[in-house]
Amino acid sequence: MTKRERPDYPSRALDDLAYQFEYFGEVECPQLDAHLYRALCRGIQHDRELLAMAARAPVTQPPPNLLFAAVHYLLLAGEEHALRAWYPDLAPDPSRGEVGSPNSAFDPFRAFCLAQRARIEGLIETRLIQTNVLQRCSALLPAFARVSQEAEAAGEGPAPLALIEIGPSAGLNLFWDRFHYRYDDGATWGASSSRVVVECALRGQVGLPPLPAEIPVAWRRGVDIHPVDIRDPDAVLWLRALVWPDHPGRQERLSAAVEIALDDPPQIATGDAAAVLPALIEAAPKDTTLCIYGTHTLYQFPQDALIATFKAIQSASRMRPIHFVSIEGTGDRWSELRCTRYREGERETTLVANCNPHGRWLEWL
């Protein structure tokens, strides 16, 4: 398939929505082995009624993700329908082949959507895409190791990390240091007894930087416009609905991460990042290496909010050095991991890796 132009995501014109579903199905789904959603997109992009339902999505939210999550949410909540047989994470025994072929899923999917139209549209209008893709921590781990080593080399340490995550949703990735990591070159990190195991393939000719036995974290916070409360069963159900049904392993990791976080619920400030960050930066312990990070969050920011957020970080760096780690999509078939060092109002950014959008593989540069 040739490279495609990125869709006009804020547009709710049906022709533009059709292309959004085409792009989602033919560009994004293959990166993640999302066979069911890819097949469904091929039908939805030609169906005006389903496109009109997806058009209910707020302009800051991707309509394909919201439509699929709304349907998945109702099925996970126990709604009985023949469509359940096409969802690998809902089928009685996927290992025995009791899952319908994705290519035959569109008709029951459409029937379910029309039968549940009011409920689905209500979810699309009011819910947000706030995933906690735990496998992205496979890229965060070496990035945090790099930040720690860079801070020490610059005379800022050694010191434990103070972390602020932008757009953490439920804050599960704030506990990245409580997971166990396995890279396909044989490298491992973290306690092997952890209930969350993150696996990652390595690509390219450059190996990962040395991973220290420990990367101490002294303080961790998040900021989100709409934080997810992991103590709310319905909020956790929506998190589960955001997991693509072809990925049952992700459901297991999510459940285990929620259990870990419930032992010490994350502290997440509610509000706009640019407005909240100065107070969080001020609250971060002074004897720490301050690192702000976000994973596939900044693309949802309006341009003025994004500029204001970076200005807030740059201004605060006049008082103390700040490291910023980001994983964002590029419009191609991968995402980019970038590390930015802010100091005395100046900044320097380095592209350190290419990676799968969900952290399945990493190419250290």
Protein backbone atom coordinates (compact mmCIF):
# COMPACT_ATOMS: atom_id res chain seq x y z
CA MET A 1 0.00 0.00 0.00
CA THR A 2 1.30 3.44 -0.90
CA LYS A 3 1.78 6.13 1.70
CA ARG A 4 -1.46 8.00 2.39
CA GLU A 5 -2.14 11.53 3.51
CA ARG A 6 -3.35 11.80 7.08
CA PRO A 7 -7.10 12.35 7.37
CA ASP A 8 -8.77 15.60 8.38
CA TYR A 9 -9.61 14.29 11.85
CA PRO A 10 -11.71 17.26 13.10
CA SER A 11 -13.97 17.11 10.04
CA ARG A 12 -17.34 15.43 10.46
CA ALA A 13 -18.31 15.52 6.78
CA LEU A 14 -19.28 11.98 5.84
CA ASP A 15 -16.79 11.75 2.97
CA ASP A 16 -13.99 12.80 5.32
CA LEU A 17 -15.20 10.30 7.91
CA ALA A 18 -15.18 7.57 5.29
CA TYR A 19 -11.52 8.32 4.63
CA GLN A 20 -10.80 8.32 8.37
CA PHE A 21 -12.13 4.76 8.59
CA GLU A 22 -10.26 3.76 5.44
CA TYR A 23 -7.00 5.15 6.86
CA PHE A 24 -7.62 3.55 10.25
CA GLY A 25 -8.28 0.18 8.63
CA GLU A 26 -5.51 0.17 6.03
CA VAL A 27 -2.73 2.07 7.83
CA GLU A 28 -3.24 1.85 11.59
CA CYS A 29 -4.78 -1.60 12.03
CA PRO A 30 -2.03 -3.54 10.19
CA GLN A 31 0.59 -2.12 12.57
CA LEU A 32 -1.21 -3.83 15.45
CA ASP A 33 -2.62 -7.00 13.90
CA ALA A 34 -6.14 -5.65 14.39
CA HIS A 35 -7.86 -7.98 11.94
CA LEU A 36 -11.43 -7.48 13.18
CA TYR A 37 -11.37 -3.68 13.12
CA ARG A 38 -9.62 -3.66 9.75
CA ALA A 39 -12.37 -5.79 8.23
CA LEU A 40 -15.11 -3.70 9.85
CA CYS A 41 -13.59 -0.46 8.52
CA ARG A 42 -13.97 -1.76 4.98
CA GLY A 43 -17.71 -1.93 5.49
CA ILE A 44 -18.18 1.16 7.65
CA GLN A 45 -16.47 3.49 5.16
CA HIS A 46 -19.28 2.80 2.68
CA ASP A 47 -22.17 2.88 5.18
CA ARG A 48 -23.73 6.34 5.59
CA GLU A 49 -25.77 5.37 8.67
CA LEU A 50 -22.76 4.13 10.62
CA LEU A 51 -20.69 7.11 9.48
CA ALA A 52 -23.43 9.41 10.77
CA MET A 53 -23.24 7.67 14.14
CA ALA A 54 -19.46 8.10 14.26
CA ALA A 55 -19.92 11.77 13.37
CA ARG A 56 -21.21 12.32 16.91
CA ALA A 57 -17.63 12.19 18.18
CA PRO A 58 -16.21 15.45 19.62
CA VAL A 59 -13.82 17.14 17.21
CA THR A 60 -10.85 16.34 19.48
CA GLN A 61 -11.58 12.60 19.40
CA PRO A 62 -10.97 10.00 16.64
CA PRO A 63 -14.36 8.67 15.46
CA PRO A 64 -13.21 5.12 14.55
CA ASN A 65 -11.77 4.49 18.01
CA LEU A 66 -14.89 5.84 19.74
CA LEU A 67 -17.34 3.83 17.63
CA PHE A 68 -15.43 0.60 18.17
CA ALA A 69 -14.96 1.27 21.89
CA ALA A 70 -18.67 2.05 22.38
CA VAL A 71 -19.67 -1.27 20.80
CA HIS A 72 -17.00 -3.18 22.74
CA TYR A 73 -18.14 -1.51 25.98
CA LEU A 74 -21.73 -2.71 25.58
CA LEU A 75 -20.59 -6.23 24.75
CA LEU A 76 -18.20 -6.34 27.72
CA ALA A 77 -21.04 -5.08 29.93
CA GLY A 78 -22.96 -8.23 29.03
CA GLU A 79 -25.17 -7.19 26.14
CA GLU A 80 -26.22 -10.41 24.43
CA HIS A 81 -25.94 -10.42 20.66
CA ALA A 82 -24.64 -12.72 17.94
CA LEU A 83 -21.84 -10.19 17.36
CA ARG A 84 -20.04 -11.51 20.45
CA ALA A 85 -18.93 -14.54 18.44
CA TRP A 86 -16.63 -12.34 16.32
CA TYR A 87 -14.76 -10.85 19.30
CA PRO A 88 -11.73 -12.97 20.30
CA ASP A 89 -11.76 -11.63 23.86
CA LEU A 90 -15.44 -12.57 24.26
CA ALA A 91 -15.60 -15.89 22.42
CA PRO A 92 -15.93 -19.00 24.62
CA ASP A 93 -12.58 -20.49 23.57
CA PRO A 94 -10.59 -18.67 20.86
CA SER A 95 -7.96 -21.44 20.86
CA ARG A 96 -10.57 -23.86 19.54
CA GLY A 97 -11.46 -21.64 16.61
CA GLU A 98 -14.76 -20.50 18.09
CA VAL A 99 -14.32 -16.98 16.70
CA GLY A 100 -16.06 -15.83 13.56
CA SER A 101 -13.95 -14.79 10.59
CA PRO A 102 -13.38 -10.98 10.57
CA ASN A 103 -14.48 -10.88 6.95
CA SER A 104 -18.01 -11.94 7.94
CA ALA A 105 -18.34 -9.59 10.93
CA PHE A 106 -19.76 -6.49 9.27
CA ASP A 107 -23.42 -7.56 8.97
CA PRO A 108 -23.81 -8.52 12.67
CA PHE A 109 -21.80 -5.42 13.65
CA ARG A 110 -24.10 -3.16 11.66
CA ALA A 111 -27.19 -4.87 13.08
CA PHE A 112 -25.91 -4.38 16.62
CA CYS A 113 -25.10 -0.71 16.01
CA LEU A 114 -28.54 0.06 14.61
CA ALA A 115 -30.28 -1.86 17.40
CA GLN A 116 -28.26 0.00 20.05
CA ARG A 117 -28.02 3.29 18.18
CA ALA A 118 -29.11 5.61 21.00
CA ARG A 119 -26.78 4.05 23.57
CA ILE A 120 -23.83 3.94 21.19
CA GLU A 121 -24.30 7.56 20.13
CA GLY A 122 -24.56 8.57 23.79
CA LEU A 123 -21.21 6.91 24.50
CA ILE A 124 -19.59 8.45 21.41
CA GLU A 125 -20.77 11.92 22.45
CA THR A 126 -19.62 11.71 26.08
CA ARG A 127 -16.63 9.36 26.35
CA LEU A 128 -12.98 9.99 25.52
CA ILE A 129 -10.13 7.92 24.10
CA GLN A 130 -7.98 7.56 27.20
CA THR A 131 -6.00 4.41 26.74
CA ASN A 132 -3.36 3.00 29.02
CA VAL A 133 -1.19 1.08 26.57
CA LEU A 134 1.15 -0.60 29.01
CA GLN A 135 3.40 -1.98 26.30
CA ARG A 136 4.52 1.58 25.47
CA CYS A 137 6.57 1.35 28.66
CA SER A 138 9.00 -0.79 26.64
CA ALA A 139 10.16 2.50 25.08
CA LEU A 140 9.79 4.59 28.23
CA LEU A 141 12.12 2.35 30.25
CA PRO A 142 15.28 2.99 28.15
CA ALA A 143 14.26 6.63 27.77
CA PHE A 144 14.15 7.09 31.55
CA ALA A 145 17.51 5.30 31.83
CA ARG A 146 18.89 7.78 29.29
CA VAL A 147 17.45 10.74 31.23
CA SER A 148 19.03 9.51 34.47
CA GLN A 149 22.43 9.02 32.81
CA GLU A 150 22.26 12.35 30.99
CA ALA A 151 21.36 14.19 34.21
CA GLU A 152 24.27 12.61 36.05
CA ALA A 153 26.68 13.45 33.24
CA ALA A 154 25.47 17.08 33.34
CA GLY A 155 26.14 17.31 37.06
CA GLU A 156 22.44 17.16 38.02
CA GLY A 157 22.71 13.82 39.83
CA PRO A 158 22.78 11.02 40.61
CA ALA A 159 19.27 11.66 41.82
CA PRO A 160 15.98 9.75 41.73
CA LEU A 161 13.39 10.69 39.15
CA ALA A 162 10.41 12.92 39.78
CA LEU A 163 7.80 12.13 37.11
CA ILE A 164 4.90 14.11 35.70
CA GLU A 165 2.83 12.40 33.02
CA ILE A 166 0.70 14.52 30.69
CA GLY A 167 -2.58 12.83 29.82
CA PRO A 168 -2.09 9.70 31.94
CA SER A 169 -5.76 8.70 31.85
CA ALA A 170 -5.87 6.24 34.77
CA GLY A 171 -2.18 6.74 35.52
CA LEU A 172 -1.20 3.10 35.08
CA ASN A 173 1.97 3.89 33.13
CA LEU A 174 3.16 6.00 36.05
CA PHE A 175 4.00 2.65 37.66
CA TRP A 176 6.26 1.50 34.82
CA ASP A 177 9.01 0.60 37.31
CA ARG A 178 6.78 -2.04 38.89
CA PHE A 179 6.54 -4.07 35.66
CA HIS A 180 8.82 -6.79 34.30
CA TYR A 181 10.41 -6.25 30.87
CA ARG A 182 11.64 -8.74 28.30
CA TYR A 183 13.42 -7.68 25.11
CA ASP A 184 14.03 -10.20 22.38
CA ASP A 185 17.81 -9.79 22.62
CA GLY A 186 17.58 -11.48 26.00
CA ALA A 187 17.70 -8.30 28.10
CA THR A 188 15.31 -8.18 31.05
CA TRP A 189 14.56 -5.55 33.66
CA GLY A 190 12.41 -5.33 36.77
CA ALA A 191 11.13 -7.91 39.19
CA SER A 192 10.33 -11.21 37.47
CA SER A 193 7.48 -11.66 39.95
CA SER A 194 5.59 -8.62 38.62
CA ARG A 195 2.03 -9.30 37.53
CA VAL A 196 2.59 -7.10 34.46
CA VAL A 197 5.02 -8.43 31.83
CA VAL A 198 5.99 -6.13 28.96
CA GLU A 199 7.64 -7.75 25.94
CA CYS A 200 9.28 -5.95 23.04
CA ALA A 201 11.10 -6.85 19.83
CA LEU A 202 14.23 -4.89 18.89
CA ARG A 203 15.02 -3.67 15.40
CA GLY A 204 17.93 -1.95 13.73
CA GLN A 205 21.67 -2.10 14.26
CA VAL A 206 21.97 -0.12 17.51
CA GLY A 207 21.42 -1.93 20.79
CA LEU A 208 19.59 -0.50 23.74
CA PRO A 209 21.59 1.71 26.10
CA PRO A 210 22.73 -0.02 29.30
CA LEU A 211 19.81 -0.46 31.66
CA PRO A 212 20.83 0.09 35.29
CA ALA A 213 19.64 -2.46 37.80
CA GLU A 214 17.46 0.23 39.38
CA ILE A 215 16.03 3.57 38.26
CA PRO A 216 14.74 5.08 41.52
CA VAL A 217 11.53 7.12 41.41
CA ALA A 218 10.96 9.43 44.35
CA TRP A 219 7.76 11.19 43.25
CA ARG A 220 5.13 10.73 40.56
CA ARG A 221 2.12 12.77 39.47
CA GLY A 222 -0.13 13.19 36.44
CA VAL A 223 -2.25 15.91 34.87
CA ASP A 224 -5.33 15.15 32.78
CA ILE A 225 -8.42 17.11 31.77
CA HIS A 226 -10.55 14.06 32.56
CA PRO A 227 -8.65 11.65 34.85
CA VAL A 228 -9.93 8.08 35.07
CA ASP A 229 -10.64 6.83 38.59
CA ILE A 230 -9.49 3.21 38.77
CA ARG A 231 -11.69 2.76 41.85
CA ASP A 232 -14.77 3.23 39.62
CA PRO A 233 -15.76 -0.13 38.03
CA ASP A 234 -17.50 1.57 35.10
CA ALA A 235 -14.42 3.67 34.37
CA VAL A 236 -12.30 0.52 34.35
CA LEU A 237 -14.83 -1.15 32.05
CA TRP A 238 -14.40 1.73 29.58
CA LEU A 239 -10.62 1.25 29.78
CA ARG A 240 -11.17 -2.40 28.91
CA ALA A 241 -13.43 -1.38 26.01
CA LEU A 242 -10.61 0.72 24.56
CA VAL A 243 -8.44 -2.41 24.26
CA TRP A 244 -8.76 -3.85 20.77
CA PRO A 245 -10.47 -7.27 20.90
CA ASP A 246 -7.71 -8.98 18.90
CA HIS A 247 -5.36 -8.38 21.85
CA PRO A 248 -6.51 -10.53 24.80
CA GLY A 249 -3.01 -10.30 26.34
CA ARG A 250 -3.58 -6.57 26.75
CA GLN A 251 -6.71 -7.26 28.81
CA GLU A 252 -4.68 -9.40 31.18
CA ARG A 253 -1.95 -6.76 31.52
CA LEU A 254 -4.54 -4.03 32.08
CA SER A 255 -6.27 -5.96 34.86
CA ALA A 256 -2.93 -6.70 36.55
CA ALA A 257 -1.82 -3.06 36.29
CA VAL A 258 -5.09 -1.88 37.84
CA GLU A 259 -4.46 -4.23 40.77
CA ILE A 260 -0.97 -2.79 41.23
CA ALA A 261 -2.26 0.79 41.09
CA LEU A 262 -5.10 0.11 43.53
CA ASP A 263 -2.48 -0.60 46.21
CA ASP A 264 -1.29 3.00 45.85
CA PRO A 265 -3.69 4.98 43.60
CA PRO A 266 -1.95 7.51 41.34
CA GLN A 267 -2.22 11.20 42.14
CA ILE A 268 -3.57 12.95 39.05
CA ALA A 269 -4.38 16.66 38.97
CA THR A 270 -7.45 17.65 36.98
CA GLY A 271 -7.05 20.44 34.46
CA ASP A 272 -5.31 21.81 31.42
CA ALA A 273 -1.63 20.85 31.28
CA ALA A 274 -0.35 24.38 30.63
CA ALA A 275 -2.27 25.72 33.63
CA VAL A 276 -1.45 22.89 36.05
CA LEU A 277 2.17 22.11 35.16
CA PRO A 278 3.76 25.14 36.90
CA ALA A 279 2.32 24.09 40.29
CA LEU A 280 3.32 20.45 39.77
CA ILE A 281 6.84 21.44 38.74
CA GLU A 282 7.09 23.61 41.84
CA ALA A 283 5.90 20.73 44.02
CA ALA A 284 8.42 18.23 42.62
CA PRO A 285 11.21 17.58 45.17
CA LYS A 286 14.25 19.73 44.47
CA ASP A 287 16.74 16.88 44.96
CA THR A 288 15.35 14.90 42.02
CA THR A 289 15.76 14.72 38.24
CA LEU A 290 12.49 16.12 36.91
CA CYS A 291 11.07 14.32 33.87
CA ILE A 292 7.77 15.19 32.18
CA TYR A 293 6.44 12.71 29.64
CA GLY A 294 3.49 11.78 27.45
CA THR A 295 2.63 8.92 25.09
CA HIS A 296 0.33 9.59 22.13
CA THR A 297 -1.31 12.44 24.02
CA LEU A 298 -0.09 15.64 22.39
CA TYR A 299 -1.90 14.93 19.11
CA GLN A 300 -5.19 15.58 20.91
CA PHE A 301 -4.09 19.07 22.02
CA PRO A 302 -5.40 22.10 20.12
CA GLN A 303 -2.46 24.02 18.68
CA ASP A 304 -2.73 26.91 21.13
CA ALA A 305 -2.85 24.52 24.11
CA LEU A 306 0.18 22.63 22.83
CA ILE A 307 2.19 25.83 22.45
CA ALA A 308 1.14 27.00 25.92
CA THR A 309 2.22 23.67 27.44
CA PHE A 310 5.70 23.82 25.91
CA LYS A 311 6.05 27.47 26.94
CA ALA A 312 5.16 26.53 30.53
CA ILE A 313 7.90 23.88 30.57
CA GLN A 314 10.43 26.20 28.93
CA SER A 315 9.69 28.98 31.41
CA ALA A 316 9.96 26.64 34.41
CA SER A 317 13.35 25.40 33.15
CA ARG A 318 14.85 28.74 34.16
CA MET A 319 14.48 27.57 37.75
CA ARG A 320 15.61 23.94 37.29
CA PRO A 321 16.53 21.55 34.45
CA ILE A 322 13.57 19.62 33.02
CA HIS A 323 13.63 16.55 30.78
CA PHE A 324 10.70 15.87 28.45
CA VAL A 325 10.07 12.43 26.92
CA SER A 326 7.43 11.98 24.23
CA ILE A 327 6.11 9.18 22.04
CA GLU A 328 3.98 10.48 19.18
CA GLY A 329 2.88 9.23 15.79
CA THR A 330 4.57 10.44 12.62
CA GLY A 331 1.85 9.80 10.07
CA ASP A 332 3.81 6.81 8.76
CA ARG A 333 3.91 3.26 10.07
CA TRP A 334 5.68 3.98 13.34
CA SER A 335 5.97 6.45 16.19
CA GLU A 336 8.96 8.46 17.35
CA LEU A 337 10.50 8.57 20.82
CA ARG A 338 12.06 11.97 21.48
CA CYS A 339 13.96 13.30 24.48
CA THR A 340 14.13 17.05 25.05
CA ARG A 341 16.33 18.69 27.65
CA TYR A 342 15.20 22.10 28.90
CA ARG A 343 17.70 24.20 30.80
CA GLU A 344 17.69 27.94 31.58
CA GLY A 345 14.93 28.57 29.07
CA GLU A 346 16.68 26.76 26.21
CA ARG A 347 15.90 23.35 24.80
CA GLU A 348 17.62 20.60 22.84
CA THR A 349 15.65 17.72 21.30
CA THR A 350 16.99 14.34 20.21
CA LEU A 351 15.18 11.63 18.26
CA VAL A 352 16.32 8.54 20.16
CA ALA A 353 14.15 5.76 18.71
CA ASN A 354 11.46 4.71 16.30
CA CYS A 355 8.84 2.41 17.77
CA ASN A 356 5.57 0.65 17.19
CA PRO A 357 2.63 2.84 18.30
CA HIS A 358 1.77 0.28 20.99
CA GLY A 359 5.38 -0.50 21.95
CA ARG A 360 5.58 -3.89 20.25
CA TRP A 361 8.97 -3.12 18.72
CA LEU A 362 11.69 -0.56 19.27
CA GLU A 363 14.49 0.67 17.01
CA TRP A 364 17.04 2.55 19.12
CA LEU A 365 18.86 5.21 17.12
